[in-house]
Amino acid sequence: MAESFFASLQCELLDRRHWATRAELAQAMFHWIDAFYNPTRRHSTLDYRSPVEYERLHTAAAEAA
């Protein structure tokens, strides 16, 4: 699981440009993880749904009950 995450990080963020400072890189990594990777990744334990999609479906089901 960790290898997959770091491979995605390397391919989708780190290899795409040169980073002038560590602070700039840290900010870009935080934004990539928080705004892109976590909300959109598919997860097998969530029936191959993204966390955002799963939460939306779970909330709707709980409100209907």
N, C-alpha and C. Protein backbone atom coordinates (compact mmCIF):
# COMPACT_ATOMS: atom_id res chain seq x y z
N MET A 1 0.82 -1.17 0.00
CA MET A 1 0.00 0.00 0.00
C MET A 1 0.88 1.26 0.00
N ALA A 2 1.88 1.29 0.82
CA ALA A 2 2.75 2.46 0.88
C ALA A 2 3.51 2.64 -0.43
N GLU A 3 3.93 1.54 -1.04
CA GLU A 3 4.65 1.64 -2.30
C GLU A 3 3.77 2.27 -3.38
N SER A 4 2.50 1.91 -3.40
CA SER A 4 1.56 2.48 -4.37
C SER A 4 1.40 3.98 -4.15
N PHE A 5 1.26 4.38 -2.89
CA PHE A 5 1.13 5.80 -2.57
C PHE A 5 2.35 6.58 -3.04
N PHE A 6 3.54 6.11 -2.67
CA PHE A 6 4.75 6.84 -3.03
C PHE A 6 5.01 6.82 -4.54
N ALA A 7 4.61 5.76 -5.22
CA ALA A 7 4.74 5.73 -6.68
C ALA A 7 3.84 6.78 -7.31
N SER A 8 2.62 6.90 -6.80
CA SER A 8 1.70 7.93 -7.31
C SER A 8 2.24 9.32 -7.02
N LEU A 9 2.73 9.54 -5.82
CA LEU A 9 3.29 10.83 -5.45
C LEU A 9 4.46 11.19 -6.36
N GLN A 10 5.34 10.24 -6.58
CA GLN A 10 6.51 10.47 -7.43
C GLN A 10 6.09 10.83 -8.86
N CYS A 11 5.21 10.04 -9.41
CA CYS A 11 4.81 10.20 -10.81
C CYS A 11 3.93 11.43 -11.04
N GLU A 12 2.99 11.67 -10.16
CA GLU A 12 2.01 12.71 -10.37
C GLU A 12 2.41 14.08 -9.84
N LEU A 13 3.40 14.14 -8.97
CA LEU A 13 3.78 15.43 -8.39
C LEU A 13 5.28 15.71 -8.48
N LEU A 14 6.07 14.84 -7.90
CA LEU A 14 7.49 15.14 -7.73
C LEU A 14 8.26 15.24 -9.04
N ASP A 15 7.96 14.38 -10.00
CA ASP A 15 8.72 14.36 -11.25
C ASP A 15 8.26 15.39 -12.27
N ARG A 16 7.26 16.17 -11.94
CA ARG A 16 6.69 17.09 -12.93
C ARG A 16 7.35 18.46 -12.96
N ARG A 17 8.12 18.80 -11.95
CA ARG A 17 8.79 20.11 -11.93
C ARG A 17 9.93 20.15 -10.93
N HIS A 18 10.69 21.22 -10.99
CA HIS A 18 11.79 21.44 -10.05
C HIS A 18 11.26 22.29 -8.90
N TRP A 19 11.61 21.93 -7.70
CA TRP A 19 11.14 22.67 -6.52
C TRP A 19 12.26 23.56 -6.01
N ALA A 20 11.99 24.83 -5.86
CA ALA A 20 13.01 25.81 -5.45
C ALA A 20 13.39 25.65 -3.98
N THR A 21 12.42 25.38 -3.13
CA THR A 21 12.69 25.25 -1.69
C THR A 21 11.96 24.03 -1.14
N ARG A 22 12.43 23.59 0.02
CA ARG A 22 11.75 22.49 0.71
C ARG A 22 10.34 22.91 1.15
N ALA A 23 10.20 24.17 1.53
CA ALA A 23 8.90 24.66 1.97
C ALA A 23 7.90 24.62 0.81
N GLU A 24 8.34 24.99 -0.37
CA GLU A 24 7.48 24.94 -1.54
C GLU A 24 7.06 23.49 -1.84
N LEU A 25 8.00 22.58 -1.75
CA LEU A 25 7.70 21.17 -1.97
C LEU A 25 6.75 20.64 -0.90
N ALA A 26 6.98 20.99 0.35
CA ALA A 26 6.12 20.53 1.44
C ALA A 26 4.69 21.03 1.24
N GLN A 27 4.54 22.27 0.84
CA GLN A 27 3.21 22.83 0.61
C GLN A 27 2.53 22.12 -0.57
N ALA A 28 3.26 21.86 -1.63
CA ALA A 28 2.70 21.16 -2.79
C ALA A 28 2.29 19.74 -2.42
N MET A 29 3.11 19.07 -1.62
CA MET A 29 2.78 17.71 -1.19
C MET A 29 1.53 17.70 -0.32
N PHE A 30 1.43 18.64 0.61
CA PHE A 30 0.25 18.71 1.47
C PHE A 30 -1.00 18.94 0.61
N HIS A 31 -0.92 19.87 -0.33
CA HIS A 31 -2.07 20.17 -1.19
C HIS A 31 -2.43 18.94 -2.03
N TRP A 32 -1.44 18.24 -2.59
CA TRP A 32 -1.71 17.07 -3.42
C TRP A 32 -2.40 15.97 -2.60
N ILE A 33 -1.91 15.73 -1.39
CA ILE A 33 -2.49 14.69 -0.55
C ILE A 33 -3.88 15.08 -0.08
N ASP A 34 -4.02 16.29 0.43
CA ASP A 34 -5.27 16.73 1.04
C ASP A 34 -6.37 17.06 0.03
N ALA A 35 -6.00 17.66 -1.08
CA ALA A 35 -7.00 18.12 -2.05
C ALA A 35 -7.23 17.16 -3.21
N PHE A 36 -6.25 16.30 -3.50
CA PHE A 36 -6.42 15.41 -4.64
C PHE A 36 -6.43 13.94 -4.22
N TYR A 37 -5.35 13.47 -3.65
CA TYR A 37 -5.18 12.03 -3.42
C TYR A 37 -6.22 11.46 -2.44
N ASN A 38 -6.34 12.05 -1.28
CA ASN A 38 -7.28 11.50 -0.29
C ASN A 38 -8.73 11.54 -0.75
N PRO A 39 -9.23 12.63 -1.31
CA PRO A 39 -10.64 12.64 -1.70
C PRO A 39 -10.97 11.78 -2.92
N THR A 40 -10.02 11.53 -3.82
CA THR A 40 -10.37 10.89 -5.09
C THR A 40 -9.90 9.45 -5.24
N ARG A 41 -8.97 8.98 -4.42
CA ARG A 41 -8.45 7.63 -4.62
C ARG A 41 -9.54 6.59 -4.37
N ARG A 42 -9.51 5.54 -5.11
CA ARG A 42 -10.43 4.42 -4.92
C ARG A 42 -9.82 3.47 -3.89
N HIS A 43 -10.66 2.89 -3.06
CA HIS A 43 -10.16 2.03 -2.00
C HIS A 43 -10.93 0.73 -1.99
N SER A 44 -10.21 -0.38 -1.97
CA SER A 44 -10.87 -1.69 -2.03
C SER A 44 -11.77 -1.94 -0.83
N THR A 45 -11.41 -1.46 0.35
CA THR A 45 -12.25 -1.69 1.52
C THR A 45 -13.51 -0.85 1.51
N LEU A 46 -13.58 0.13 0.62
CA LEU A 46 -14.78 0.96 0.47
C LEU A 46 -15.56 0.56 -0.77
N ASP A 47 -15.40 -0.69 -1.18
CA ASP A 47 -16.06 -1.21 -2.38
C ASP A 47 -15.65 -0.43 -3.63
N TYR A 48 -14.38 -0.09 -3.69
CA TYR A 48 -13.77 0.64 -4.81
C TYR A 48 -14.44 1.98 -5.08
N ARG A 49 -14.79 2.64 -3.99
CA ARG A 49 -15.31 4.01 -4.07
C ARG A 49 -14.26 4.94 -3.45
N SER A 50 -14.34 6.22 -3.82
CA SER A 50 -13.46 7.20 -3.18
C SER A 50 -14.00 7.46 -1.78
N PRO A 51 -13.18 7.93 -0.86
CA PRO A 51 -13.67 8.23 0.49
C PRO A 51 -14.81 9.26 0.48
N VAL A 52 -14.74 10.24 -0.40
CA VAL A 52 -15.79 11.25 -0.48
C VAL A 52 -17.10 10.61 -0.95
N GLU A 53 -17.03 9.77 -1.97
CA GLU A 53 -18.22 9.10 -2.48
C GLU A 53 -18.82 8.17 -1.43
N TYR A 54 -17.97 7.41 -0.74
CA TYR A 54 -18.43 6.49 0.30
C TYR A 54 -19.12 7.26 1.42
N GLU A 55 -18.54 8.34 1.85
CA GLU A 55 -19.13 9.13 2.93
C GLU A 55 -20.48 9.70 2.50
N ARG A 56 -20.58 10.17 1.27
CA ARG A 56 -21.84 10.71 0.75
C ARG A 56 -22.93 9.62 0.76
N LEU A 57 -22.60 8.43 0.29
CA LEU A 57 -23.57 7.33 0.26
C LEU A 57 -23.94 6.89 1.69
N HIS A 58 -22.95 6.81 2.57
CA HIS A 58 -23.20 6.39 3.94
C HIS A 58 -24.08 7.41 4.67
N THR A 59 -23.83 8.68 4.47
CA THR A 59 -24.63 9.73 5.11
C THR A 59 -26.06 9.71 4.60
N ALA A 60 -26.24 9.54 3.28
CA ALA A 60 -27.58 9.47 2.71
C ALA A 60 -28.34 8.27 3.25
N ALA A 61 -27.69 7.13 3.39
CA ALA A 61 -28.34 5.93 3.93
C ALA A 61 -28.71 6.11 5.39
N ALA A 62 -27.85 6.76 6.16
CA ALA A 62 -28.12 6.98 7.58
C ALA A 62 -29.29 7.95 7.77
N GLU A 63 -29.38 8.94 6.90
CA GLU A 63 -30.49 9.91 7.00
C GLU A 63 -31.81 9.28 6.59
N ALA A 64 -31.78 8.32 5.68
CA ALA A 64 -32.99 7.64 5.23
C ALA A 64 -33.53 6.67 6.27
N ALA A 65 -32.67 6.20 7.14
CA ALA A 65 -33.08 5.19 8.13
C ALA A 65 -33.74 5.81 9.33
